[in-house]
Each structure stands twice: as structure tokens, then as C-alpha cells.
């Protein structure tokens, strides 16, 4: 009988040790809030853009603009084409990765030239040919074309600028 009791005590000790010293399991999926958004998926999209200030086409051939983000970037070969790698990336996300500032109101270039509304000039955004004041907040989609134009252009000048945006 004593052997049986000592056997049960030994078994209980082993089970207790396993429970106490068992490594913690990751509970990420269990603890993730139900309202959490799904992780963004990886994509391979192309979009294009052009920026004009007072009728001058801005070029992004300088190396300081190239390959700055893993989510969306431009390359030296075609610096007006955005390579998008993460779904959910907005135009603002892309522009924030570049060494200049662009908001819905103003553009400050890499050379610190400032273009803000004054004297009848303003900053306008056209997404896929349509004026869109909220374009920076929009997700970049495959084959999108964005025009950022500062100045006091008429509709013919805007159309000419839209035509300068390369195909993605």
C-alpha cells in the first residue's frame, strides 16, 4: 500500500512540475481583439503621378527620392511610377516617405521651395482624371494616376498636365 501511495505522490509531482515549468504558448491570435483590422496583404501594383508647380513639371531623377519605403516607392528607371507592395498604402503614405512635404494645402520641395495658396494660386489634386481634394487620403490602387498641380491653371492647362502623367 505504501508503494501505491508513494507512486501516486511521485506521479502528482511530475505532473505538477510539467504544469509549472511548461513554456508559455503564444496567445496572439487568442488575445487579438475582434475589432482589429486584418493585416494588409502584399501586392505588386503600379501607379503613376506628376507634380507641377506654376506650370513646371517636377522630376524625381535624384537618387534621394528612390527606393525609400518597402510599402511604396519610385525607382531611378521611371521616377514617376510608384511601385506599391503593401495593400492599404495611401498617397499620403507614399509622399511622406519622400524627402519633401506635401499636404492638402501646401508643397515644400526637397530644395525647400514652398508652394501654398496665395494670389489666386492653389494646390489641386486629380486622381484618375477627376479633381479630388481628398486624393492624399486615398489608397493607391493598381493603375492609378495622380496629378498634383500648384498654380492658377485653366482647364486646358490641367488637361495638358494630366496628359504628361506616364502610364504605370
N, C-alpha and C. Protein backbone atom coordinates (compact mmCIF):
# COMPACT_ATOMS: atom_id res chain seq x y z
N UNK A 1 0.82 -1.18 0.00
CA UNK A 1 0.00 0.00 0.00
C UNK A 1 0.87 1.26 0.00
N UNK A 2 1.96 1.21 0.74
CA UNK A 2 2.85 2.36 0.80
C UNK A 2 3.44 2.66 -0.56
N UNK A 3 3.74 1.57 -1.33
CA UNK A 3 4.30 1.76 -2.67
C UNK A 3 3.28 2.48 -3.55
N UNK A 4 2.03 2.13 -3.43
CA UNK A 4 0.99 2.75 -4.23
C UNK A 4 0.87 4.24 -3.89
N UNK A 5 0.91 4.57 -2.62
CA UNK A 5 0.81 5.97 -2.19
C UNK A 5 2.02 6.75 -2.71
N UNK A 6 3.23 6.16 -2.52
CA UNK A 6 4.43 6.85 -2.99
C UNK A 6 4.42 6.97 -4.52
N UNK A 7 3.87 6.02 -5.21
CA UNK A 7 3.75 6.07 -6.66
C UNK A 7 2.83 7.19 -7.10
N UNK A 8 1.69 7.32 -6.42
CA UNK A 8 0.74 8.41 -6.72
C UNK A 8 1.34 9.78 -6.41
N UNK A 9 2.05 9.88 -5.29
CA UNK A 9 2.71 11.15 -4.93
C UNK A 9 3.76 11.51 -5.99
N UNK A 10 4.54 10.54 -6.44
CA UNK A 10 5.56 10.78 -7.45
C UNK A 10 4.94 11.23 -8.76
N UNK A 11 3.85 10.57 -9.18
CA UNK A 11 3.17 10.94 -10.43
C UNK A 11 2.60 12.35 -10.32
N UNK A 12 2.03 12.67 -9.19
CA UNK A 12 1.48 14.02 -8.99
C UNK A 12 2.59 15.06 -9.05
N UNK A 13 3.74 14.74 -8.50
CA UNK A 13 4.88 15.67 -8.52
C UNK A 13 5.34 15.92 -9.94
N UNK A 14 5.39 14.86 -10.73
CA UNK A 14 5.83 15.00 -12.13
C UNK A 14 4.83 15.86 -12.91
N UNK A 15 3.54 15.58 -12.76
CA UNK A 15 2.51 16.37 -13.45
C UNK A 15 2.57 17.83 -13.00
N UNK A 16 2.75 18.06 -11.74
CA UNK A 16 2.85 19.43 -11.21
C UNK A 16 4.05 20.15 -11.79
N UNK A 17 5.19 19.47 -11.89
CA UNK A 17 6.40 20.08 -12.44
C UNK A 17 6.19 20.44 -13.90
N UNK A 18 5.54 19.57 -14.66
CA UNK A 18 5.29 19.84 -16.08
C UNK A 18 4.39 21.06 -16.23
N UNK A 19 3.35 21.16 -15.42
CA UNK A 19 2.44 22.30 -15.49
C UNK A 19 3.15 23.58 -15.08
N UNK A 20 3.94 23.54 -14.03
CA UNK A 20 4.60 24.75 -13.53
C UNK A 20 5.69 25.21 -14.48
N UNK A 21 6.49 24.30 -15.01
CA UNK A 21 7.65 24.68 -15.81
C UNK A 21 7.39 24.60 -17.31
N UNK A 22 6.17 24.39 -17.71
CA UNK A 22 5.81 24.31 -19.13
C UNK A 22 6.01 25.70 -19.75
N UNK A 23 6.70 25.78 -20.91
CA UNK A 23 6.89 27.08 -21.54
C UNK A 23 5.55 27.67 -21.97
N UNK A 24 5.45 29.01 -21.87
CA UNK A 24 4.22 29.68 -22.25
C UNK A 24 4.01 29.59 -23.75
N UNK A 25 2.79 29.35 -24.13
CA UNK A 25 2.47 29.35 -25.54
C UNK A 25 2.01 30.73 -25.93
N UNK A 26 2.34 31.13 -27.16
CA UNK A 26 1.90 32.44 -27.64
C UNK A 26 0.39 32.45 -27.78
N UNK A 27 -0.21 33.52 -27.32
CA UNK A 27 -1.66 33.64 -27.34
C UNK A 27 -2.09 34.77 -28.29
N UNK A 28 -1.23 35.13 -29.26
CA UNK A 28 -1.51 36.29 -30.11
C UNK A 28 -2.87 36.21 -30.77
N UNK A 29 -3.16 35.07 -31.41
CA UNK A 29 -4.43 35.00 -32.12
C UNK A 29 -5.60 34.98 -31.16
N UNK A 30 -5.41 34.43 -29.98
CA UNK A 30 -6.49 34.37 -29.00
C UNK A 30 -6.73 35.75 -28.39
N UNK A 31 -5.65 36.48 -28.10
CA UNK A 31 -5.77 37.78 -27.45
C UNK A 31 -6.06 38.91 -28.42
N UNK A 32 -6.03 38.66 -29.72
CA UNK A 32 -6.25 39.72 -30.70
C UNK A 32 -7.70 40.19 -30.62
N UNK A 33 -7.90 41.49 -30.46
CA UNK A 33 -9.28 42.00 -30.37
C UNK A 33 -10.07 41.68 -31.64
N UNK A 34 -11.34 41.39 -31.46
CA UNK A 34 -12.18 41.06 -32.61
C UNK A 34 -12.28 42.23 -33.58
N UNK A 35 -12.15 43.45 -33.10
CA UNK A 35 -12.29 44.62 -33.95
C UNK A 35 -11.01 44.95 -34.71
N UNK A 36 -9.92 44.24 -34.43
CA UNK A 36 -8.66 44.54 -35.11
C UNK A 36 -8.82 44.27 -36.61
N UNK A 37 -8.23 45.18 -37.42
CA UNK A 37 -8.31 45.01 -38.86
C UNK A 37 -7.34 43.92 -39.29
N UNK A 38 -7.66 43.24 -40.38
CA UNK A 38 -6.75 42.20 -40.85
C UNK A 38 -5.43 42.83 -41.30
N UNK A 39 -4.39 42.03 -41.24
CA UNK A 39 -3.09 42.51 -41.68
C UNK A 39 -3.15 42.81 -43.17
N UNK A 40 -2.48 43.90 -43.62
CA UNK A 40 -2.51 44.22 -45.05
C UNK A 40 -1.79 43.14 -45.85
N UNK A 41 -2.32 42.88 -47.02
CA UNK A 41 -1.69 41.86 -47.84
C UNK A 41 -0.67 42.49 -48.77
N UNK A 42 0.25 41.67 -49.20
CA UNK A 42 1.29 42.13 -50.10
C UNK A 42 0.72 42.13 -51.52
N UNK A 43 1.09 43.15 -52.30
CA UNK A 43 0.62 43.29 -53.67
C UNK A 43 1.81 43.67 -54.55
N UNK A 44 1.59 43.72 -55.82
CA UNK A 44 2.60 44.20 -56.77
C UNK A 44 1.89 45.07 -57.79
N UNK A 45 1.61 46.31 -57.36
CA UNK A 45 0.86 47.24 -58.18
C UNK A 45 1.76 48.35 -58.69
N UNK A 46 1.32 48.99 -59.75
CA UNK A 46 2.00 50.18 -60.28
C UNK A 46 0.97 51.29 -60.42
N UNK A 47 1.38 52.47 -60.07
CA UNK A 47 0.57 53.67 -60.24
C UNK A 47 1.54 54.76 -60.72
N UNK A 48 1.01 55.88 -61.17
CA UNK A 48 1.91 56.94 -61.63
C UNK A 48 1.41 58.29 -61.13
N UNK A 49 2.32 59.26 -61.15
CA UNK A 49 1.99 60.59 -60.68
C UNK A 49 2.83 61.62 -61.40
N UNK A 50 2.36 62.85 -61.31
CA UNK A 50 3.13 64.00 -61.80
C UNK A 50 2.84 65.16 -60.87
N UNK A 51 3.85 65.98 -60.63
CA UNK A 51 3.70 67.18 -59.83
C UNK A 51 4.13 68.37 -60.68
N UNK A 52 3.27 69.37 -60.75
CA UNK A 52 3.56 70.60 -61.46
C UNK A 52 3.45 71.77 -60.48
N UNK A 53 4.40 72.70 -60.54
CA UNK A 53 4.33 73.93 -59.76
C UNK A 53 4.46 75.10 -60.72
N UNK A 54 3.41 75.90 -60.78
CA UNK A 54 3.36 77.04 -61.69
C UNK A 54 3.71 76.63 -63.11
N UNK A 55 3.18 75.49 -63.53
CA UNK A 55 3.38 75.00 -64.89
C UNK A 55 4.67 74.23 -65.11
N UNK A 56 5.54 74.13 -64.11
CA UNK A 56 6.82 73.43 -64.26
C UNK A 56 6.66 71.99 -63.78
N UNK A 57 7.04 71.06 -64.65
CA UNK A 57 6.98 69.63 -64.35
C UNK A 57 8.14 69.27 -63.43
N UNK A 58 7.82 68.70 -62.28
CA UNK A 58 8.84 68.31 -61.30
C UNK A 58 9.37 66.92 -61.62
N UNK A 59 10.68 66.77 -61.62
CA UNK A 59 11.29 65.47 -61.90
C UNK A 59 11.88 64.89 -60.63
N UNK A 60 11.89 63.58 -60.57
CA UNK A 60 12.37 62.87 -59.37
C UNK A 60 13.49 61.89 -59.74
N UNK A 61 14.41 62.38 -60.56
CA UNK A 61 15.53 61.55 -61.00
C UNK A 61 16.65 61.50 -59.97
N UNK A 62 16.68 62.42 -59.03
CA UNK A 62 17.71 62.43 -58.00
C UNK A 62 17.59 61.19 -57.12
N UNK A 63 18.71 60.56 -56.82
CA UNK A 63 18.73 59.33 -56.02
C UNK A 63 18.07 59.48 -54.65
N UNK A 64 18.01 60.70 -54.13
CA UNK A 64 17.44 60.88 -52.79
C UNK A 64 15.95 60.53 -52.73
N UNK A 65 15.32 60.35 -53.89
CA UNK A 65 13.89 60.01 -53.94
C UNK A 65 13.62 58.52 -54.14
N UNK A 66 14.63 57.73 -54.42
CA UNK A 66 14.42 56.37 -54.89
C UNK A 66 14.47 55.31 -53.79
N UNK A 67 13.56 54.35 -53.89
CA UNK A 67 13.55 53.15 -53.04
C UNK A 67 13.59 53.47 -51.55
N UNK A 68 12.75 54.38 -51.09
CA UNK A 68 12.79 54.84 -49.70
C UNK A 68 11.84 54.11 -48.77
N UNK A 69 10.95 53.29 -49.30
CA UNK A 69 10.00 52.57 -48.46
C UNK A 69 9.75 51.19 -49.04
N UNK A 70 9.51 50.25 -48.19
CA UNK A 70 9.16 48.92 -48.67
C UNK A 70 7.70 48.81 -49.08
N UNK A 71 6.89 49.79 -48.69
CA UNK A 71 5.45 49.75 -48.99
C UNK A 71 5.12 50.33 -50.36
N UNK A 72 5.73 51.48 -50.69
CA UNK A 72 5.51 52.14 -51.98
C UNK A 72 6.72 53.02 -52.26
N UNK A 73 7.25 52.92 -53.47
CA UNK A 73 8.49 53.64 -53.77
C UNK A 73 8.59 53.91 -55.27
N UNK A 74 9.54 54.79 -55.61
CA UNK A 74 9.87 55.03 -57.01
C UNK A 74 11.30 54.57 -57.26
N UNK A 75 11.57 54.22 -58.51
CA UNK A 75 12.89 53.74 -58.89
C UNK A 75 13.50 54.71 -59.89
N UNK A 76 14.81 54.64 -60.04
CA UNK A 76 15.53 55.53 -60.95
C UNK A 76 15.08 55.37 -62.39
N UNK A 77 14.75 54.15 -62.78
CA UNK A 77 14.39 53.88 -64.17
C UNK A 77 13.16 54.65 -64.63
N UNK A 78 12.18 54.79 -63.75
CA UNK A 78 10.96 55.52 -64.08
C UNK A 78 10.45 56.21 -62.83
N UNK A 79 10.99 57.40 -62.53
CA UNK A 79 10.69 58.05 -61.25
C UNK A 79 9.29 58.67 -61.13
N UNK A 80 8.43 58.47 -62.10
CA UNK A 80 7.04 58.92 -61.97
C UNK A 80 6.09 57.74 -61.83
N UNK A 81 6.66 56.55 -61.68
CA UNK A 81 5.85 55.35 -61.46
C UNK A 81 6.10 54.87 -60.04
N UNK A 82 5.01 54.68 -59.31
CA UNK A 82 5.07 54.21 -57.92
C UNK A 82 4.89 52.70 -57.92
N UNK A 83 5.80 52.01 -57.29
CA UNK A 83 5.69 50.56 -57.10
C UNK A 83 5.07 50.35 -55.72
N UNK A 84 3.89 49.76 -55.67
CA UNK A 84 3.17 49.55 -54.42
C UNK A 84 3.30 48.08 -54.04
N UNK A 85 3.76 47.83 -52.81
CA UNK A 85 3.98 46.46 -52.35
C UNK A 85 3.05 46.07 -51.21
N UNK A 86 2.40 47.04 -50.57
CA UNK A 86 1.52 46.71 -49.44
C UNK A 86 0.15 47.33 -49.68
N UNK A 87 -0.86 46.48 -49.72
CA UNK A 87 -2.23 46.95 -49.88
C UNK A 87 -2.57 47.86 -48.70
N UNK A 88 -3.33 48.91 -48.97
CA UNK A 88 -3.72 49.84 -47.92
C UNK A 88 -2.84 51.08 -47.87
N UNK A 89 -1.77 51.12 -48.66
CA UNK A 89 -0.87 52.28 -48.68
C UNK A 89 -1.58 53.43 -49.37
N UNK A 90 -1.62 54.58 -48.71
CA UNK A 90 -2.27 55.76 -49.29
C UNK A 90 -1.24 56.61 -50.03
N UNK A 91 -1.75 57.56 -50.81
CA UNK A 91 -0.86 58.50 -51.48
C UNK A 91 -0.08 59.31 -50.43
N UNK A 92 -0.72 59.65 -49.32
CA UNK A 92 -0.01 60.38 -48.25
C UNK A 92 1.12 59.53 -47.70
N UNK A 93 0.89 58.23 -47.49
CA UNK A 93 1.95 57.34 -47.01
C UNK A 93 3.14 57.38 -47.95
N UNK A 94 2.86 57.28 -49.24
CA UNK A 94 3.94 57.31 -50.23
C UNK A 94 4.71 58.63 -50.17
N UNK A 95 3.99 59.75 -50.23
CA UNK A 95 4.68 61.04 -50.25
C UNK A 95 5.42 61.33 -48.95
N UNK A 96 4.92 60.81 -47.83
CA UNK A 96 5.62 61.00 -46.56
C UNK A 96 6.96 60.29 -46.53
N UNK A 97 7.14 59.30 -47.38
CA UNK A 97 8.42 58.59 -47.43
C UNK A 97 9.48 59.37 -48.23
N UNK A 98 9.06 60.38 -48.95
CA UNK A 98 9.98 61.17 -49.77
C UNK A 98 10.51 62.37 -49.00
N UNK A 99 11.69 62.86 -49.38
CA UNK A 99 12.28 63.98 -48.64
C UNK A 99 11.71 65.34 -49.04
N UNK A 100 10.41 65.48 -48.96
CA UNK A 100 9.72 66.77 -49.09
C UNK A 100 8.40 66.66 -48.38
N UNK A 101 7.68 67.76 -48.29
CA UNK A 101 6.40 67.76 -47.59
C UNK A 101 5.27 68.07 -48.55
N UNK A 102 4.21 67.29 -48.46
CA UNK A 102 3.02 67.52 -49.27
C UNK A 102 1.80 67.30 -48.40
N UNK A 103 1.00 68.36 -48.28
CA UNK A 103 -0.27 68.27 -47.55
C UNK A 103 -1.38 68.67 -48.52
N UNK A 104 -2.60 68.67 -48.04
CA UNK A 104 -3.71 69.11 -48.89
C UNK A 104 -3.64 70.61 -49.19
N UNK A 105 -2.85 71.34 -48.44
CA UNK A 105 -2.73 72.79 -48.61
C UNK A 105 -1.44 73.23 -49.30
N UNK A 106 -0.31 72.60 -48.93
CA UNK A 106 0.99 73.11 -49.37
C UNK A 106 1.94 72.00 -49.82
N UNK A 107 2.90 72.42 -50.64
CA UNK A 107 4.00 71.58 -51.07
C UNK A 107 5.29 72.30 -50.71
N UNK A 108 6.20 71.59 -50.03
CA UNK A 108 7.54 72.11 -49.74
C UNK A 108 8.50 71.12 -50.36
N UNK A 109 9.23 71.56 -51.37
CA UNK A 109 10.09 70.66 -52.13
C UNK A 109 11.33 70.26 -51.33
N UNK A 110 12.08 69.33 -51.88
CA UNK A 110 13.34 68.91 -51.27
C UNK A 110 14.34 70.04 -51.19
N UNK A 111 14.20 71.02 -52.08
CA UNK A 111 15.07 72.21 -52.07
C UNK A 111 14.48 73.33 -51.20
N UNK A 112 13.41 73.01 -50.46
CA UNK A 112 12.73 73.92 -49.53
C UNK A 112 11.96 75.05 -50.22
N UNK A 113 11.61 74.87 -51.50
CA UNK A 113 10.70 75.82 -52.14
C UNK A 113 9.31 75.54 -51.59
N UNK A 114 8.59 76.60 -51.25
CA UNK A 114 7.27 76.45 -50.64
C UNK A 114 6.19 76.94 -51.58
N UNK A 115 5.15 76.11 -51.76
CA UNK A 115 4.02 76.43 -52.61
C UNK A 115 2.74 76.26 -51.81
N UNK A 116 2.22 77.40 -51.31
CA UNK A 116 0.99 77.43 -50.53
C UNK A 116 0.04 78.42 -51.17
N UNK A 117 -1.27 78.27 -50.94
CA UNK A 117 -2.25 79.16 -51.57
C UNK A 117 -1.95 80.64 -51.31
N UNK A 118 -1.93 81.40 -52.39
CA UNK A 118 -1.73 82.85 -52.33
C UNK A 118 -1.93 83.42 -53.73
N UNK A 119 -2.45 84.62 -53.79
CA UNK A 119 -2.57 85.32 -55.07
C UNK A 119 -3.33 84.55 -56.13
N UNK A 120 -4.37 83.85 -55.76
CA UNK A 120 -5.17 83.10 -56.73
C UNK A 120 -4.57 81.75 -57.11
N UNK A 121 -3.45 81.41 -56.54
CA UNK A 121 -2.83 80.11 -56.81
C UNK A 121 -3.18 79.14 -55.69
N UNK A 122 -3.38 77.89 -56.08
CA UNK A 122 -3.72 76.88 -55.08
C UNK A 122 -3.16 75.52 -55.50
N UNK A 123 -3.22 74.61 -54.56
CA UNK A 123 -2.76 73.25 -54.78
C UNK A 123 -4.00 72.40 -55.06
N UNK A 124 -3.97 71.67 -56.18
CA UNK A 124 -5.11 70.83 -56.56
C UNK A 124 -4.62 69.42 -56.85
N UNK A 125 -5.52 68.48 -56.62
CA UNK A 125 -5.22 67.07 -56.82
C UNK A 125 -6.24 66.47 -57.78
N UNK A 126 -5.76 65.67 -58.71
CA UNK A 126 -6.61 64.98 -59.67
C UNK A 126 -6.24 63.50 -59.64
N UNK A 127 -7.21 62.67 -59.30
CA UNK A 127 -6.98 61.23 -59.25
C UNK A 127 -7.76 60.60 -60.40
N UNK A 128 -7.03 59.95 -61.28
CA UNK A 128 -7.62 59.30 -62.46
C UNK A 128 -8.47 60.27 -63.28
N UNK A 129 -7.94 61.48 -63.42
CA UNK A 129 -8.57 62.49 -64.27
C UNK A 129 -9.64 63.34 -63.62
N UNK A 130 -10.01 63.02 -62.40
CA UNK A 130 -11.06 63.76 -61.70
C UNK A 130 -10.47 64.54 -60.53
N UNK A 131 -10.88 65.80 -60.38
CA UNK A 131 -10.39 66.57 -59.24
C UNK A 131 -10.86 65.90 -57.95
N UNK A 132 -9.92 65.76 -57.00
CA UNK A 132 -10.21 65.07 -55.76
C UNK A 132 -9.38 65.71 -54.64
N UNK A 133 -10.02 66.58 -53.87
CA UNK A 133 -9.31 67.27 -52.78
C UNK A 133 -8.82 66.31 -51.70
N UNK A 134 -9.39 65.11 -51.64
CA UNK A 134 -9.02 64.10 -50.64
C UNK A 134 -8.07 63.05 -51.19
N UNK A 135 -7.46 63.29 -52.32
CA UNK A 135 -6.65 62.28 -53.00
C UNK A 135 -5.54 61.72 -52.12
N UNK A 136 -4.93 62.54 -51.30
CA UNK A 136 -3.83 62.04 -50.45
C UNK A 136 -4.30 60.98 -49.48
N UNK A 137 -5.57 61.02 -49.11
CA UNK A 137 -6.12 60.04 -48.16
C UNK A 137 -6.54 58.74 -48.84
N UNK A 138 -6.53 58.73 -50.15
CA UNK A 138 -6.99 57.55 -50.89
C UNK A 138 -5.90 56.49 -50.95
N UNK A 139 -6.34 55.24 -50.90
CA UNK A 139 -5.42 54.13 -51.07
C UNK A 139 -4.93 54.12 -52.52
N UNK A 140 -3.64 53.87 -52.71
CA UNK A 140 -3.11 53.75 -54.06
C UNK A 140 -3.59 52.42 -54.63
N UNK A 141 -4.23 52.48 -55.78
CA UNK A 141 -4.74 51.29 -56.46
C UNK A 141 -3.92 51.05 -57.73
N UNK A 142 -3.93 49.81 -58.17
CA UNK A 142 -3.22 49.45 -59.38
C UNK A 142 -3.72 50.29 -60.55
N UNK A 143 -2.77 50.88 -61.28
CA UNK A 143 -3.02 51.69 -62.48
C UNK A 143 -3.56 53.09 -62.18
N UNK A 144 -3.59 53.52 -60.93
CA UNK A 144 -3.98 54.89 -60.59
C UNK A 144 -3.04 55.90 -61.25
N UNK A 145 -3.59 57.09 -61.50
CA UNK A 145 -2.80 58.22 -61.98
C UNK A 145 -3.16 59.43 -61.13
N UNK A 146 -2.14 60.04 -60.54
CA UNK A 146 -2.36 61.21 -59.67
C UNK A 146 -1.63 62.41 -60.24
N UNK A 147 -2.35 63.53 -60.32
CA UNK A 147 -1.75 64.81 -60.67
C UNK A 147 -1.82 65.72 -59.46
N UNK A 148 -0.69 66.31 -59.10
CA UNK A 148 -0.62 67.34 -58.06
C UNK A 148 -0.22 68.60 -58.80
N UNK A 149 -1.06 69.62 -58.76
CA UNK A 149 -0.81 70.81 -59.54
C UNK A 149 -0.97 72.06 -58.68
N UNK A 150 0.09 72.88 -58.65
CA UNK A 150 0.02 74.15 -57.94
C UNK A 150 0.07 75.28 -58.95
N UNK A 151 -0.82 76.23 -58.79
CA UNK A 151 -0.83 77.41 -59.66
C UNK A 151 -2.25 77.89 -59.88
N UNK A 152 -2.43 78.59 -60.98
CA UNK A 152 -3.76 79.10 -61.34
C UNK A 152 -4.09 78.66 -62.76
N UNK A 153 -3.98 77.37 -63.02
CA UNK A 153 -4.17 76.81 -64.35
C UNK A 153 -5.64 76.81 -64.76
N UNK A 154 -5.84 76.96 -66.06
CA UNK A 154 -7.19 76.79 -66.60
C UNK A 154 -7.38 75.32 -66.97
N UNK A 155 -8.55 74.97 -67.44
CA UNK A 155 -8.85 73.56 -67.70
C UNK A 155 -7.97 72.98 -68.82
N UNK A 156 -7.61 73.77 -69.81
CA UNK A 156 -6.73 73.28 -70.89
C UNK A 156 -5.33 72.97 -70.34
N UNK A 157 -4.83 73.82 -69.45
CA UNK A 157 -3.51 73.56 -68.85
C UNK A 157 -3.55 72.32 -67.95
N UNK A 158 -4.63 72.15 -67.21
CA UNK A 158 -4.77 70.95 -66.37
C UNK A 158 -4.81 69.71 -67.26
N UNK A 159 -5.55 69.78 -68.36
CA UNK A 159 -5.62 68.63 -69.27
C UNK A 159 -4.25 68.31 -69.84
N UNK A 160 -3.48 69.31 -70.17
CA UNK A 160 -2.12 69.10 -70.67
C UNK A 160 -1.25 68.42 -69.61
N UNK A 161 -1.40 68.84 -68.35
CA UNK A 161 -0.64 68.22 -67.25
C UNK A 161 -1.08 66.77 -67.04
N UNK A 162 -2.38 66.51 -67.09
CA UNK A 162 -2.88 65.14 -66.97
C UNK A 162 -2.29 64.24 -68.05
N UNK A 163 -2.15 64.79 -69.24
CA UNK A 163 -1.59 64.01 -70.36
C UNK A 163 -0.10 63.69 -70.17
N UNK A 164 0.59 64.42 -69.31
CA UNK A 164 2.02 64.18 -69.05
C UNK A 164 2.27 63.07 -68.03
N UNK A 165 1.23 62.63 -67.36
CA UNK A 165 1.39 61.53 -66.40
C UNK A 165 1.63 60.25 -67.19
N UNK A 166 2.75 59.58 -66.97
CA UNK A 166 3.01 58.36 -67.74
C UNK A 166 2.05 57.23 -67.36
N UNK A 167 1.93 56.27 -68.23
CA UNK A 167 1.18 55.07 -67.87
C UNK A 167 1.99 54.28 -66.87
N UNK A 168 1.32 53.73 -65.86
CA UNK A 168 2.06 52.95 -64.84
C UNK A 168 2.64 51.67 -65.43
